[in-house]
Protein backbone atom coordinates (compact mmCIF):
# COMPACT_ATOMS: atom_id res chain seq x y z
CA UNK A 1 -0.07 0.07 0.10
CA UNK A 2 1.35 3.56 -0.74
CA UNK A 3 1.79 5.93 1.91
CA UNK A 4 -1.39 7.66 1.13
CA UNK A 5 -3.62 4.65 1.92
CA UNK A 6 -6.73 4.47 3.71
CA UNK A 7 -6.72 4.25 7.75
CA UNK A 8 -9.86 1.65 6.83
CA UNK A 9 -10.53 -0.05 3.96
CA UNK A 10 -14.48 -0.35 4.56
CA UNK A 11 -16.93 0.72 7.33
CA UNK A 12 -20.76 -0.73 7.24
CA UNK A 13 -23.39 1.59 5.92
CA UNK A 14 -26.29 1.03 8.32
CA UNK A 15 -28.74 3.87 6.29
CA UNK A 16 -28.14 2.17 2.81
CA UNK A 17 -27.50 -1.23 3.95
CA UNK A 18 -24.32 -1.75 2.13
CA UNK A 19 -20.79 -1.38 2.80
CA UNK A 20 -18.07 1.46 1.65
CA UNK A 21 -14.73 0.30 0.67
CA UNK A 22 -11.84 2.03 -0.32
CA UNK A 23 -8.84 0.18 -3.20
CA UNK A 24 -6.28 0.84 -5.01
CA UNK A 25 -7.08 2.42 -8.63
CA UNK A 26 -4.82 0.03 -11.07
CA UNK A 27 -5.65 3.13 -13.79
CA UNK A 28 -3.88 5.61 -12.06
CA UNK A 29 -1.01 5.66 -9.33
CA UNK A 30 -1.63 7.03 -5.98
CA UNK A 31 -5.44 7.24 -6.39
CA UNK A 32 -8.12 5.93 -4.62
CA UNK A 33 -11.39 4.66 -5.84
CA UNK A 34 -14.02 4.66 -3.04
CA UNK A 35 -16.94 1.76 -3.65
CA UNK A 36 -20.17 1.63 -2.03
CA UNK A 37 -21.93 -1.55 -2.61
CA UNK A 38 -19.24 -2.99 -4.56
CA UNK A 39 -19.79 -0.26 -7.50
CA UNK A 40 -17.27 2.32 -8.46
CA UNK A 41 -18.54 5.23 -7.03
CA UNK A 42 -15.97 8.01 -6.26
CA UNK A 43 -11.97 8.49 -7.24
CA UNK A 44 -9.87 10.92 -5.58
CA UNK A 45 -6.07 11.69 -6.07
CA UNK A 46 -4.91 12.56 -2.78
CA UNK A 47 -3.35 15.84 -2.64
CA UNK A 48 -4.58 16.70 -6.02
CA UNK A 49 -8.11 18.47 -5.76
CA UNK A 50 -8.25 19.73 -8.96
CA UNK A 51 -7.74 16.17 -10.48
CA UNK A 52 -11.67 15.48 -11.35
CA UNK A 53 -11.77 11.99 -12.59
CA UNK A 54 -14.97 11.15 -13.98
CA UNK A 55 -16.46 12.66 -16.87
CA UNK A 56 -19.12 14.34 -15.43
CA UNK A 57 -17.30 15.99 -12.98
CA UNK A 58 -14.94 17.71 -15.68
CA UNK A 59 -18.00 19.03 -17.04
CA UNK A 60 -19.57 20.51 -13.68
CA UNK A 61 -16.70 22.06 -12.86
CA UNK A 62 -15.89 25.01 -15.73
CA UNK A 63 -19.82 25.86 -14.66
CA UNK A 64 -18.58 26.30 -11.12
CA UNK A 65 -15.24 28.66 -12.40
CA UNK A 66 -18.40 30.09 -14.70
CA UNK A 67 -20.28 31.34 -11.72
CA UNK A 68 -19.52 34.54 -10.25
CA UNK A 69 -15.87 36.17 -10.34
CA UNK A 70 -13.26 34.11 -10.61
CA UNK A 71 -11.85 32.35 -8.07
CA UNK A 72 -13.75 34.21 -5.50
CA UNK A 73 -15.47 32.59 -2.71
CA UNK A 74 -19.14 30.81 -3.21
CA UNK A 75 -21.86 29.34 -0.93
CA UNK A 76 -22.45 25.98 -2.37
CA UNK A 77 -24.63 23.63 -1.03
CA UNK A 78 -24.01 19.83 -1.98
CA UNK A 79 -27.07 17.49 -2.05
CA UNK A 80 -24.84 13.75 -2.01
CA UNK A 81 -21.49 13.75 -0.32
CA UNK A 82 -19.41 10.96 -2.08
CA UNK A 83 -15.68 11.33 -1.33
CA UNK A 84 -16.14 14.85 -1.49
CA UNK A 85 -14.54 15.44 -4.70
CA UNK A 86 -16.91 18.62 -5.50
CA UNK A 87 -15.83 20.17 -2.02
CA UNK A 88 -12.78 19.76 -2.62
CA UNK A 89 -12.73 20.86 -6.08
CA UNK A 90 -14.71 24.01 -5.27
CA UNK A 91 -11.85 24.60 -1.88
CA UNK A 92 -8.65 24.98 -3.74
CA UNK A 93 -10.31 26.96 -6.88
CA UNK A 94 -12.68 29.25 -4.82
CA UNK A 95 -10.54 29.90 -0.88
CA UNK A 96 -12.72 30.70 1.08
CA UNK A 97 -16.04 29.42 0.16
CA UNK A 98 -18.60 28.50 2.89
CA UNK A 99 -20.19 24.73 1.83
CA UNK A 100 -22.89 22.46 3.21
CA UNK A 101 -22.95 19.22 2.61
CA UNK A 102 -26.22 16.95 2.86
CA UNK A 103 -25.17 13.31 2.48
CA UNK A 104 -27.72 9.98 3.80
CA UNK A 105 -25.12 7.69 5.07
CA UNK A 106 -23.78 8.78 8.95
CA UNK A 107 -20.66 6.73 8.02
CA UNK A 108 -19.68 7.11 4.94
CA UNK A 109 -18.32 11.06 5.96
CA UNK A 110 -16.49 10.34 8.86
CA UNK A 111 -14.98 7.25 6.64
CA UNK A 112 -14.00 9.40 4.03
CA UNK A 113 -12.71 12.40 6.00
CA UNK A 114 -10.06 10.21 8.75
CA UNK A 115 -8.08 9.05 5.44
CA UNK A 116 -8.61 11.90 3.42
CA UNK A 117 -9.11 15.00 5.04
CA UNK A 118 -10.70 18.27 3.66
CA UNK A 119 -8.08 21.14 3.72
CA UNK A 120 -10.35 23.92 5.16
CA UNK A 121 -12.96 21.62 7.81
CA UNK A 122 -13.97 24.47 9.36
CA UNK A 123 -15.54 26.03 6.08
CA UNK A 124 -17.17 23.05 4.99
CA UNK A 125 -20.72 21.77 7.80
CA UNK A 126 -21.94 18.50 6.86
CA UNK A 127 -25.40 17.09 7.98
CA UNK A 128 -26.20 14.08 7.51
CA UNK A 129 -30.15 13.22 5.94
CA UNK A 130 -31.93 13.01 3.24
CA UNK A 131 -31.26 15.31 0.36
CA UNK A 132 -35.07 16.50 0.22
CA UNK A 133 -36.31 16.19 4.20
CA UNK A 134 -32.77 17.77 5.29
CA UNK A 135 -32.95 20.55 3.11
CA UNK A 136 -32.44 23.90 5.51
CA UNK A 137 -35.56 26.27 5.97
CA UNK A 138 -34.98 29.11 3.31
CA UNK A 139 -34.65 32.29 5.34
CA UNK A 140 -32.81 30.88 8.13
CA UNK A 141 -29.27 31.04 6.50
CA UNK A 142 -27.47 32.95 3.88
CA UNK A 143 -28.84 32.02 0.26
CA UNK A 144 -26.24 30.19 -1.87
CA UNK A 145 -24.67 30.41 -5.20
CA UNK A 146 -24.67 27.15 -5.80
CA UNK A 147 -26.92 24.37 -4.87
CA UNK A 148 -25.67 21.25 -6.47
CA UNK A 149 -28.03 17.90 -6.19
CA UNK A 150 -25.02 15.45 -7.51
CA UNK A 151 -27.32 11.90 -6.16
CA UNK A 152 -27.20 10.80 -10.10
CA UNK A 153 -31.05 10.77 -10.72
CA UNK A 154 -32.66 9.01 -13.50
CA UNK A 155 -34.92 6.35 -14.72
CA UNK A 156 -34.93 4.41 -10.87
CA UNK A 157 -34.95 7.66 -8.68
CA UNK A 158 -37.71 7.76 -6.05
CA UNK A 159 -40.47 10.17 -7.27
CA UNK A 160 -40.18 12.55 -4.67
CA UNK A 161 -36.98 13.95 -6.10
CA UNK A 162 -38.21 14.08 -9.55
CA UNK A 163 -41.30 15.84 -8.81
CA UNK A 164 -41.53 19.81 -9.64
CA UNK A 165 -41.90 21.18 -5.59
CA UNK A 166 -38.33 19.76 -4.77
CA UNK A 167 -37.25 21.92 -7.40
CA UNK A 168 -39.06 24.70 -6.15
CA UNK A 169 -37.48 24.20 -2.92
CA UNK A 170 -34.04 24.29 -4.17
CA UNK A 171 -34.92 27.54 -6.60
CA UNK A 172 -35.91 29.46 -3.30
CA UNK A 173 -32.15 28.51 -1.38
CA UNK A 174 -30.59 30.27 -4.12
CA UNK A 175 -29.61 33.41 -4.26
CA UNK A 176 -30.93 35.92 -6.98
CA UNK A 177 -27.73 34.90 -9.27
CA UNK A 178 -27.37 31.27 -7.85
CA UNK A 179 -27.50 28.90 -10.27
CA UNK A 180 -29.08 25.06 -9.79
CA UNK A 181 -26.66 22.25 -11.28
CA UNK A 182 -28.36 18.89 -11.39
CA UNK A 183 -26.30 15.43 -11.82
CA UNK A 184 -28.58 13.26 -14.09
CA UNK A 185 -27.67 9.94 -15.12
CA UNK A 186 -30.43 8.91 -18.15
CA UNK A 187 -30.71 7.22 -20.55
CA UNK A 188 -32.12 7.46 -24.02
CA UNK A 189 -34.67 8.59 -24.80
CA UNK A 190 -33.20 10.93 -21.92
CA UNK A 191 -36.85 11.61 -20.36
CA UNK A 192 -36.20 12.49 -16.64
CA UNK A 193 -33.66 15.02 -18.05
CA UNK A 194 -36.63 16.64 -20.46
CA UNK A 195 -38.92 16.21 -17.32
CA UNK A 196 -36.58 18.25 -15.19
CA UNK A 197 -36.07 20.75 -17.97
CA UNK A 198 -39.65 21.35 -18.58
CA UNK A 199 -40.75 21.50 -15.06
CA UNK A 200 -37.29 24.01 -14.21
CA UNK A 201 -38.24 26.13 -17.42
CA UNK A 202 -41.99 26.45 -15.96
CA UNK A 203 -40.98 28.13 -12.73
CA UNK A 204 -39.51 30.94 -14.40
CA UNK A 205 -35.34 29.55 -15.07
CA UNK A 206 -33.15 29.65 -17.72
CA UNK A 207 -32.03 26.56 -18.70
CA UNK A 208 -29.09 25.05 -19.95
CA UNK A 209 -27.65 21.10 -20.36
CA UNK A 210 -24.05 20.46 -20.77
CA UNK A 211 -23.18 16.81 -22.09
CA UNK A 212 -21.16 14.07 -24.38
CA UNK A 213 -22.22 15.02 -27.80
CA UNK A 214 -23.74 11.73 -28.63
CA UNK A 215 -25.48 11.87 -25.67
CA UNK A 216 -27.42 14.49 -26.39
CA UNK A 217 -28.28 13.45 -29.96
CA UNK A 218 -29.82 10.29 -29.05
CA UNK A 219 -26.36 7.72 -29.56
CA UNK A 220 -25.80 6.94 -26.17
CA UNK A 221 -26.92 6.45 -22.14
CA UNK A 222 -24.87 8.47 -19.59
CA UNK A 223 -24.77 12.05 -17.35
CA UNK A 224 -25.96 15.15 -17.89
CA UNK A 225 -25.46 18.47 -16.31
CA UNK A 226 -28.45 20.24 -16.25
CA UNK A 227 -28.03 24.37 -15.08
CA UNK A 228 -31.32 26.57 -13.87
CA UNK A 229 -30.86 29.98 -13.25
CA UNK A 230 -33.57 32.92 -12.60
CA UNK A 231 -30.53 34.91 -14.13
CA UNK A 232 -30.34 33.40 -18.02
CA UNK A 233 -26.27 32.25 -18.66
CA UNK A 234 -25.18 35.14 -21.57
CA UNK A 235 -23.89 32.64 -24.22
CA UNK A 236 -19.93 33.83 -24.09
CA UNK A 237 -20.36 31.57 -21.11
CA UNK A 238 -22.62 28.85 -22.04
CA UNK A 239 -19.81 28.44 -25.08
CA UNK A 240 -17.12 28.92 -22.51
CA UNK A 241 -18.43 25.38 -21.15
CA UNK A 242 -18.83 23.35 -24.62
CA UNK A 243 -14.88 24.83 -24.76
CA UNK A 244 -13.63 23.06 -21.77
CA UNK A 245 -15.33 19.70 -22.83
CA UNK A 246 -14.73 16.75 -22.53
CA UNK A 247 -14.90 16.41 -26.06
CA UNK A 248 -17.10 15.81 -28.01
CA UNK A 249 -18.83 17.83 -26.30
CA UNK A 250 -22.56 19.59 -26.31
CA UNK A 251 -24.20 22.57 -24.47
CA UNK A 252 -27.81 23.31 -25.46
CA UNK A 253 -30.21 25.78 -24.30
CA UNK A 254 -33.73 27.45 -24.81
CA UNK A 255 -35.65 26.20 -27.82
CA UNK A 256 -32.07 23.50 -28.65
CA UNK A 257 -33.70 21.29 -25.74
CA UNK A 258 -36.06 20.40 -27.56
CA UNK A 259 -33.69 18.30 -29.65
CA UNK A 260 -32.04 16.96 -26.96
CA UNK A 261 -32.10 13.50 -27.85
CA UNK A 262 -33.06 12.93 -31.30
CA UNK A 263 -30.20 12.04 -33.54
């Protein structure tokens, strides 16, 4: 094992009735894979918080970079914790950012943090709870610049996490110029993505989708990043997202979303 080996190799997660475990990444020297229930969930490269391994994270990162002034601190609400890849990225790229992480498994966060602590733990609060019922009440704290729903919503997700009222609750937590980012793990014909985009548009937000070109044109399944905000993102920012990749990349907005999933 390397010098950065986790202190414990596995732990039982009581809420989900499964096991979380670390294993060395055979493809990336020095990296560690977090598995939950035997499935690969996250990958960390210790000491390199900007090294985001998964393609969907590499699409979220430039969206985070584009919000507010470059490098300025943000208030970020993360719904879903995993190995805390995105909170670590925000800490590295936006020093001084205040973050709140909500995750269901009481055992997972201590298991992750004991081996791979956050650089500034005093600025990141972790709450154990459901990503809907544990939401802070609107008006009880400062609004967020970003609300990031990172639990890979898809066809098998609970209805309570797909209904319009949930997204009204999330939008209510945003600052006037804030952005909601949603990780959608969808299948063709992208019914979940279409449904969420329609619901968010009906609530008066400007909606865009960032994904692999082959997903948006109906050839593949995979993860899409859905963004929504009360203030329309400039075309230049959306084009910067597309140029940031990974490639081949597509960013759709407005009427372009009508072609989502169609060859």
